[in-house]
Amino acid sequence: MLDFVIILIFILAAAGIGHDSVELLPTDVQQQITNLEAVRWITASFAAIVGFAIGLTVQVTYRRVEARVRQTPIEVILTRAVGLVVGLLLANLMLAPIFLLPIPSQFAFIKPLTAILGSVMFSFLGVSLADTHGRTFLRLINPNSLETILVAEGTLKQAASKVLDTSCIIDGRIEKLLDTGFIEGQILVSQFVLQELQQLADAANDQKRIRGRRGLDILNRMQDAYPERLIIHPADYEEIQTVDAKLVRFTQEINGTLLTNDYNLNKVANLQKVPVLNINDLAQAVRPIYLAGDSIDLKILKEGKEPTQGVGYLDDGTMVVVEEGNKHIGDQLRVVVTSALQTSAGRMIFARPQTSVVA
């Protein structure tokens, strides 16, 4: 809507200028025109076309500036604004004596030209100093705030909001991740993602309907458990057709992080420089190092709880319980992993000597 208003204002302004520009013609030229009103409308139409082009350029420039401002941290905006104001104040104070000098009328243009040039120079100087010493300025505003000190030093950074996509919600692992506390920041579910889940829940296909209802149930449980963190955001983009494109656009605008397990969406988001957390990548990173069937060279150090067990340790301290290992205490032997147990207390591996497995 705003884009339309910007373009419309330029069209109307240009059309009005074109319509009244006929009055600038000399009187004798106007008298030679047989239909002056038609000329007015022709010039107005031509000016409206030019106004449309200018308005379109202004609208595109405005959107680019808006996107840039959204991506700029608030502390940078604050310090730059202060630097700009200080620069303009210094420019006015230092240039004031120039206006008191007796300058001939032929060179009167020097005063406003010097004022403009000085204001621009000092403004850029103020913004540059703000970028260089902005963190120190934040500390001066509130020196007793630990958070301000950490932000000023660059130690503390606010956690980015996480944007959930449909596949991540239906997958369900995000609920467990929230329970463990590894996901920080606000959790945002956009309105168009909620609509997609509702469409799946109402689908005629049984499989789609089950997936949609599962996603809605998971969202309800998450909202009950974390009412202050999980937020349904009303943002929507009618000009964009696909949900994936809307998700990327939404994440860009809020400077957030996209949470997904969709491989294609992950690639598209990376191409557009959108931060992505892939649940599948996380699962791959935390999977057991050793799987059933893998071989390990291990030294048996002591007996286990059971009479036939022996116990050894990996380099990272992981305990390996070896069946039939009590006969090999103090020996170095090759064992074959039979299973691995992962708990909140750590990881434990169960194995058997390779000779007994072969036998």
Protein backbone atom coordinates (compact mmCIF):
# COMPACT_ATOMS: atom_id res chain seq x y z
CA MET A 1 0.00 0.00 0.00
CA LEU A 2 2.81 2.41 0.87
CA ASP A 3 4.52 1.69 -2.46
CA PHE A 4 1.33 2.62 -4.31
CA VAL A 5 0.94 5.86 -2.31
CA ILE A 6 4.54 6.94 -3.04
CA ILE A 7 4.15 6.39 -6.79
CA LEU A 8 0.70 8.03 -6.85
CA ILE A 9 1.99 11.18 -5.11
CA PHE A 10 4.75 11.61 -7.70
CA ILE A 11 2.30 11.03 -10.58
CA LEU A 12 -0.17 13.62 -9.27
CA ALA A 13 2.56 16.15 -8.47
CA ALA A 14 4.16 15.78 -11.90
CA ALA A 15 0.78 15.94 -13.65
CA GLY A 16 -0.09 19.15 -11.79
CA ILE A 17 3.24 20.74 -12.74
CA GLY A 18 2.78 19.69 -16.37
CA HIS A 19 -0.77 21.05 -16.43
CA ASP A 20 0.25 24.46 -15.10
CA SER A 21 3.53 24.68 -17.02
CA VAL A 22 1.64 26.01 -20.05
CA GLU A 23 1.29 29.31 -18.15
CA LEU A 24 5.07 29.73 -18.40
CA LEU A 25 4.84 30.13 -22.17
CA PRO A 26 5.00 33.67 -23.52
CA THR A 27 1.63 35.37 -24.01
CA ASP A 28 1.99 35.63 -27.79
CA VAL A 29 2.73 31.87 -27.98
CA GLN A 30 -0.37 31.10 -25.91
CA GLN A 31 -2.50 33.24 -28.24
CA GLN A 32 -1.32 31.20 -31.23
CA ILE A 33 -2.55 27.94 -29.65
CA THR A 34 -6.06 27.16 -30.80
CA ASN A 35 -6.89 24.65 -28.04
CA LEU A 36 -4.97 25.65 -24.90
CA GLU A 37 -6.84 23.19 -22.67
CA ALA A 38 -5.83 20.23 -24.85
CA VAL A 39 -2.18 21.30 -24.61
CA ARG A 40 -2.54 21.44 -20.84
CA TRP A 41 -3.75 17.83 -20.71
CA ILE A 42 -1.05 16.64 -23.12
CA THR A 43 1.72 18.18 -21.02
CA ALA A 44 0.03 16.85 -17.87
CA SER A 45 -0.06 13.32 -19.33
CA PHE A 46 3.58 13.46 -20.40
CA ALA A 47 4.61 14.81 -16.98
CA ALA A 48 2.57 12.05 -15.28
CA ILE A 49 4.60 9.41 -17.16
CA VAL A 50 7.82 11.07 -16.02
CA GLY A 51 6.42 11.27 -12.48
CA PHE A 52 5.62 7.55 -12.58
CA ALA A 53 9.24 6.75 -13.48
CA ILE A 54 10.59 9.04 -10.75
CA GLY A 55 8.11 7.64 -8.21
CA LEU A 56 9.09 4.07 -9.07
CA THR A 57 12.76 4.93 -8.57
CA VAL A 58 12.03 6.60 -5.23
CA GLN A 59 9.92 3.62 -4.11
CA VAL A 60 12.68 1.11 -4.92
CA THR A 61 15.27 3.30 -3.17
CA TYR A 62 13.03 3.61 -0.12
CA ARG A 63 12.62 -0.18 0.13
CA ARG A 64 16.38 -0.70 -0.10
CA VAL A 65 17.02 1.88 2.62
CA GLU A 66 14.30 0.32 4.78
CA ALA A 67 15.85 -3.15 4.41
CA ARG A 68 19.27 -1.75 5.29
CA VAL A 69 17.90 0.01 8.39
CA ARG A 70 16.16 -3.19 9.54
CA GLN A 71 19.45 -5.08 9.34
CA THR A 72 21.34 -2.41 11.30
CA PRO A 73 21.56 -3.05 15.09
CA ILE A 74 19.70 -0.52 17.23
CA GLU A 75 22.87 0.49 19.09
CA VAL A 76 24.51 1.44 15.78
CA ILE A 77 21.48 3.54 14.77
CA LEU A 78 21.50 5.29 18.17
CA THR A 79 25.20 6.14 18.14
CA ARG A 80 25.10 7.32 14.51
CA ALA A 81 22.15 9.60 15.25
CA VAL A 82 24.00 11.14 18.19
CA GLY A 83 27.13 11.51 16.07
CA LEU A 84 25.13 13.25 13.33
CA VAL A 85 23.57 15.73 15.79
CA VAL A 86 26.93 16.50 17.41
CA GLY A 87 28.52 17.02 13.99
CA LEU A 88 25.82 19.49 12.94
CA LEU A 89 26.15 21.40 16.23
CA LEU A 90 29.92 21.70 15.79
CA ALA A 91 29.45 22.84 12.19
CA ASN A 92 27.09 25.64 13.25
CA LEU A 93 29.37 26.77 16.06
CA MET A 94 32.52 26.80 13.95
CA LEU A 95 30.93 28.37 10.85
CA ALA A 96 29.08 31.13 12.73
CA PRO A 97 32.03 33.59 12.56
CA ILE A 98 32.06 33.30 8.76
CA PHE A 99 28.62 34.91 8.55
CA LEU A 100 29.94 37.94 10.47
CA LEU A 101 32.68 38.65 7.93
CA PRO A 102 32.07 41.58 5.53
CA ILE A 103 31.84 39.87 2.16
CA PRO A 104 31.02 41.85 -1.02
CA SER A 105 27.59 41.24 -2.48
CA GLN A 106 29.16 39.71 -5.62
CA PHE A 107 30.48 36.88 -3.43
CA ALA A 108 27.44 36.50 -1.19
CA PHE A 109 26.96 32.92 -2.42
CA ILE A 110 30.09 31.92 -0.47
CA LYS A 111 28.25 32.03 2.88
CA PRO A 112 25.47 29.47 2.12
CA LEU A 113 27.89 27.33 0.09
CA THR A 114 30.34 27.21 3.02
CA ALA A 115 27.50 26.44 5.44
CA ILE A 116 26.29 23.50 3.34
CA LEU A 117 29.77 22.13 2.74
CA GLY A 118 30.74 22.46 6.42
CA SER A 119 27.52 20.81 7.63
CA VAL A 120 28.01 17.84 5.28
CA MET A 121 31.66 17.41 6.28
CA PHE A 122 31.00 17.59 10.02
CA SER A 123 27.99 15.28 9.70
CA PHE A 124 30.08 12.59 8.04
CA LEU A 125 32.80 13.15 10.64
CA GLY A 126 30.30 12.70 13.48
CA VAL A 127 28.91 9.46 11.99
CA SER A 128 32.43 8.14 11.41
CA LEU A 129 33.42 8.84 15.01
CA ALA A 130 30.22 7.17 16.21
CA ASP A 131 31.10 4.00 14.28
CA THR A 132 34.59 4.01 15.78
CA HIS A 133 33.78 4.88 19.41
CA GLY A 134 30.08 3.97 19.64
CA ARG A 135 30.61 1.15 22.13
CA THR A 136 32.41 3.49 24.51
CA PHE A 137 29.52 5.94 24.18
CA LEU A 138 27.04 3.22 25.19
CA ARG A 139 29.08 2.59 28.30
CA LEU A 140 28.97 6.31 29.18
CA ILE A 141 25.17 6.38 28.93
CA ASN A 142 24.77 3.81 31.71
CA PRO A 143 28.12 2.77 33.19
CA ASN A 144 26.45 0.78 36.00
CA SER A 145 24.63 -1.61 33.67
CA LEU A 146 26.46 -4.90 33.23
CA GLU A 147 24.54 -5.56 30.04
CA THR A 148 25.57 -2.17 28.63
CA ILE A 149 29.21 -2.86 29.43
CA LEU A 150 29.10 -6.28 27.76
CA VAL A 151 27.39 -4.88 24.67
CA ALA A 152 29.93 -2.02 24.52
CA GLU A 153 32.80 -4.49 24.69
CA GLY A 154 31.20 -6.74 22.07
CA THR A 155 30.98 -9.63 24.55
CA LEU A 156 27.19 -9.76 24.67
CA LYS A 157 24.95 -10.03 21.65
CA GLN A 158 21.17 -10.32 21.74
CA ALA A 159 19.87 -13.73 20.67
CA ALA A 160 18.21 -13.63 17.25
CA SER A 161 14.55 -14.62 16.98
CA LYS A 162 13.95 -18.07 15.51
CA VAL A 163 11.45 -18.44 12.65
CA LEU A 164 9.85 -21.90 12.36
CA ASP A 165 8.85 -23.40 9.02
CA THR A 166 6.07 -25.95 8.52
CA SER A 167 8.30 -29.02 8.15
CA CYS A 168 10.20 -28.16 11.34
CA ILE A 169 6.96 -27.94 13.33
CA ILE A 170 5.57 -31.22 11.98
CA ASP A 171 8.91 -32.94 12.60
CA GLY A 172 8.42 -32.36 16.33
CA ARG A 173 12.06 -32.33 17.44
CA ILE A 174 11.92 -28.58 18.02
CA GLU A 175 9.68 -29.25 21.02
CA LYS A 176 12.37 -31.42 22.63
CA LEU A 177 15.06 -28.85 21.81
CA LEU A 178 13.07 -26.15 23.61
CA ASP A 179 12.74 -28.44 26.62
CA THR A 180 16.51 -28.86 26.79
CA GLY A 181 17.10 -25.09 26.63
CA PHE A 182 19.50 -25.14 23.67
CA ILE A 183 17.27 -22.82 21.58
CA GLU A 184 17.48 -19.17 22.67
CA GLY A 185 15.45 -16.11 21.76
CA GLN A 186 11.85 -15.68 20.69
CA ILE A 187 10.17 -18.43 18.64
CA LEU A 188 8.11 -16.92 15.82
CA VAL A 189 5.42 -18.73 13.83
CA SER A 190 4.15 -16.58 10.97
CA GLN A 191 0.50 -16.41 10.02
CA PHE A 192 1.05 -17.98 6.59
CA VAL A 193 2.76 -21.02 8.17
CA LEU A 194 -0.21 -21.42 10.51
CA GLN A 195 -2.55 -21.23 7.50
CA GLU A 196 -0.53 -23.92 5.71
CA LEU A 197 -0.82 -26.20 8.75
CA GLN A 198 -4.58 -25.60 8.85
CA GLN A 199 -4.89 -26.43 5.14
CA LEU A 200 -2.98 -29.67 5.72
CA ALA A 201 -5.22 -30.52 8.68
CA ASP A 202 -8.32 -30.00 6.49
CA ALA A 203 -6.94 -31.88 3.46
CA ALA A 204 -8.81 -34.83 1.95
CA ASN A 205 -5.60 -36.89 1.85
CA ASP A 206 -5.27 -38.89 5.09
CA GLN A 207 -1.50 -38.58 5.27
CA LYS A 208 -1.55 -34.79 4.83
CA ARG A 209 -4.38 -34.48 7.36
CA ILE A 210 -2.43 -36.45 9.97
CA ARG A 211 0.68 -34.32 9.39
CA GLY A 212 -1.28 -31.07 9.69
CA ARG A 213 -3.02 -32.10 12.90
CA ARG A 214 0.27 -33.29 14.37
CA GLY A 215 1.83 -29.88 13.65
CA LEU A 216 -1.09 -28.02 15.27
CA ASP A 217 -0.96 -30.29 18.34
CA ILE A 218 2.79 -29.65 18.71
CA LEU A 219 2.27 -25.89 18.44
CA ASN A 220 -0.46 -26.00 21.09
CA ARG A 221 1.81 -27.90 23.49
CA MET A 222 4.69 -25.50 22.85
CA GLN A 223 2.46 -22.48 23.43
CA ASP A 224 1.20 -23.94 26.71
CA ALA A 225 4.77 -24.66 27.87
CA TYR A 226 6.34 -21.40 26.62
CA PRO A 227 3.58 -18.76 26.36
CA GLU A 228 6.01 -15.83 26.52
CA ARG A 229 8.48 -17.19 23.95
CA LEU A 230 6.21 -18.63 21.25
CA ILE A 231 4.59 -15.84 19.24
CA ILE A 232 2.19 -16.06 16.30
CA HIS A 233 3.33 -13.21 14.04
CA PRO A 234 0.69 -11.58 11.78
CA ALA A 235 3.11 -10.79 8.93
CA ASP A 236 2.05 -11.89 5.46
CA TYR A 237 3.09 -11.03 1.90
CA GLU A 238 0.24 -11.19 -0.58
CA GLU A 239 2.52 -10.44 -3.54
CA ILE A 240 4.62 -13.57 -2.80
CA GLN A 241 3.06 -16.88 -3.76
CA THR A 242 5.09 -19.64 -2.05
CA VAL A 243 5.41 -20.16 1.70
CA ASP A 244 9.16 -20.78 1.44
CA ALA A 245 9.73 -17.42 -0.27
CA LYS A 246 7.60 -15.71 2.39
CA LEU A 247 9.65 -17.35 5.14
CA VAL A 248 12.92 -16.12 3.64
CA ARG A 249 11.53 -12.60 3.20
CA PHE A 250 10.12 -12.53 6.74
CA THR A 251 13.40 -13.77 8.28
CA GLN A 252 15.34 -11.12 6.32
CA GLU A 253 13.09 -8.30 7.48
CA ILE A 254 13.30 -9.16 11.19
CA ASN A 255 17.01 -10.06 10.97
CA GLY A 256 16.22 -13.44 12.52
CA THR A 257 17.29 -17.06 12.06
CA LEU A 258 15.31 -19.61 10.06
CA LEU A 259 14.76 -22.98 11.78
CA THR A 260 14.03 -25.80 9.32
CA ASN A 261 14.78 -29.36 8.23
CA ASP A 262 13.86 -28.73 4.58
CA TYR A 263 16.98 -29.25 2.43
CA ASN A 264 15.83 -27.06 -0.49
CA LEU A 265 14.68 -24.22 1.76
CA ASN A 266 18.03 -24.39 3.54
CA LYS A 267 19.90 -23.94 0.24
CA VAL A 268 17.66 -21.08 -0.95
CA ALA A 269 18.03 -19.26 2.38
CA ASN A 270 21.82 -19.65 2.31
CA LEU A 271 21.94 -18.17 -1.20
CA GLN A 272 20.09 -15.10 0.10
CA LYS A 273 22.42 -14.77 3.13
CA VAL A 274 19.71 -15.73 5.63
CA PRO A 275 21.02 -17.51 8.79
CA VAL A 276 19.65 -21.07 8.96
CA LEU A 277 19.60 -23.69 11.71
CA ASN A 278 18.92 -27.12 10.21
CA ILE A 279 17.55 -29.71 12.63
CA ASN A 280 18.98 -32.52 10.51
CA ASP A 281 22.47 -31.00 10.71
CA LEU A 282 22.13 -30.82 14.49
CA ALA A 283 21.05 -34.46 14.68
CA GLN A 284 24.02 -35.45 12.51
CA ALA A 285 26.41 -33.48 14.72
CA VAL A 286 25.28 -35.12 17.98
CA ARG A 287 24.91 -38.69 16.73
CA PRO A 288 27.07 -41.33 18.45
CA ILE A 289 30.67 -41.42 17.26
CA TYR A 290 30.69 -45.21 17.28
CA LEU A 291 27.82 -47.28 15.87
CA ALA A 292 27.08 -50.97 16.15
CA GLY A 293 29.66 -52.97 14.19
CA ASP A 294 32.48 -50.44 14.51
CA SER A 295 35.83 -51.69 15.83
CA ILE A 296 37.85 -50.02 18.62
CA ASP A 297 41.33 -50.72 19.94
CA LEU A 298 40.85 -50.60 23.71
CA LYS A 299 42.77 -51.37 26.87
CA ILE A 300 40.72 -53.15 29.53
CA LEU A 301 41.45 -51.45 32.85
CA LYS A 302 39.13 -53.04 35.42
CA GLU A 303 36.23 -55.38 36.02
CA GLY A 304 32.66 -54.29 35.39
CA LYS A 305 29.57 -54.65 37.56
CA GLU A 306 28.81 -58.07 36.10
CA PRO A 307 31.35 -60.89 36.68
CA THR A 308 32.12 -61.34 32.97
CA GLN A 309 32.45 -57.63 32.12
CA GLY A 310 35.56 -55.56 31.65
CA VAL A 311 35.73 -51.76 31.49
CA GLY A 312 37.92 -49.51 29.38
CA TYR A 313 37.84 -45.82 28.43
CA LEU A 314 38.16 -43.89 25.19
CA ASP A 315 40.47 -40.87 24.89
CA ASP A 316 37.55 -38.51 25.63
CA GLY A 317 36.67 -40.44 28.82
CA THR A 318 33.70 -42.37 27.41
CA MET A 319 33.21 -45.65 29.29
CA VAL A 320 33.25 -48.84 27.21
CA VAL A 321 31.74 -51.94 28.86
CA VAL A 322 33.15 -55.11 27.24
CA GLU A 323 31.30 -58.39 27.65
CA GLU A 324 33.67 -61.28 28.35
CA GLY A 325 36.33 -58.68 29.04
CA ASN A 326 37.21 -59.76 32.57
CA LYS A 327 39.75 -62.21 31.16
CA HIS A 328 41.66 -59.42 29.41
CA ILE A 329 42.19 -56.93 32.25
CA GLY A 330 45.39 -55.03 31.52
CA ASP A 331 45.46 -56.18 27.89
CA GLN A 332 45.06 -54.13 24.71
CA LEU A 333 42.57 -55.77 22.36
CA ARG A 334 40.21 -54.96 19.54
CA VAL A 335 36.51 -54.88 20.46
CA VAL A 336 33.40 -54.58 18.31
CA VAL A 337 30.64 -52.13 19.34
CA THR A 338 27.31 -53.84 19.96
CA SER A 339 25.29 -50.78 21.11
CA ALA A 340 25.64 -47.23 22.42
CA LEU A 341 23.62 -45.55 25.14
CA GLN A 342 23.25 -41.74 25.21
CA THR A 343 21.82 -40.11 28.34
CA SER A 344 21.92 -36.65 29.90
CA ALA A 345 24.71 -37.95 32.14
CA GLY A 346 26.88 -38.87 29.17
CA ARG A 347 27.53 -41.62 26.64
CA MET A 348 28.24 -45.32 27.32
CA ILE A 349 29.33 -47.90 24.76
CA PHE A 350 28.84 -51.66 24.97
CA ALA A 351 31.15 -54.00 23.07
CA ARG A 352 32.50 -57.54 22.79
CA PRO A 353 36.00 -58.80 21.95
CA GLN A 354 36.42 -59.21 18.21
CA THR A 355 37.62 -62.80 18.64
CA SER A 356 34.37 -63.83 20.33
CA VAL A 357 32.29 -62.08 17.67
CA VAL A 358 34.14 -63.88 14.88
CA ALA A 359 33.78 -67.17 16.68
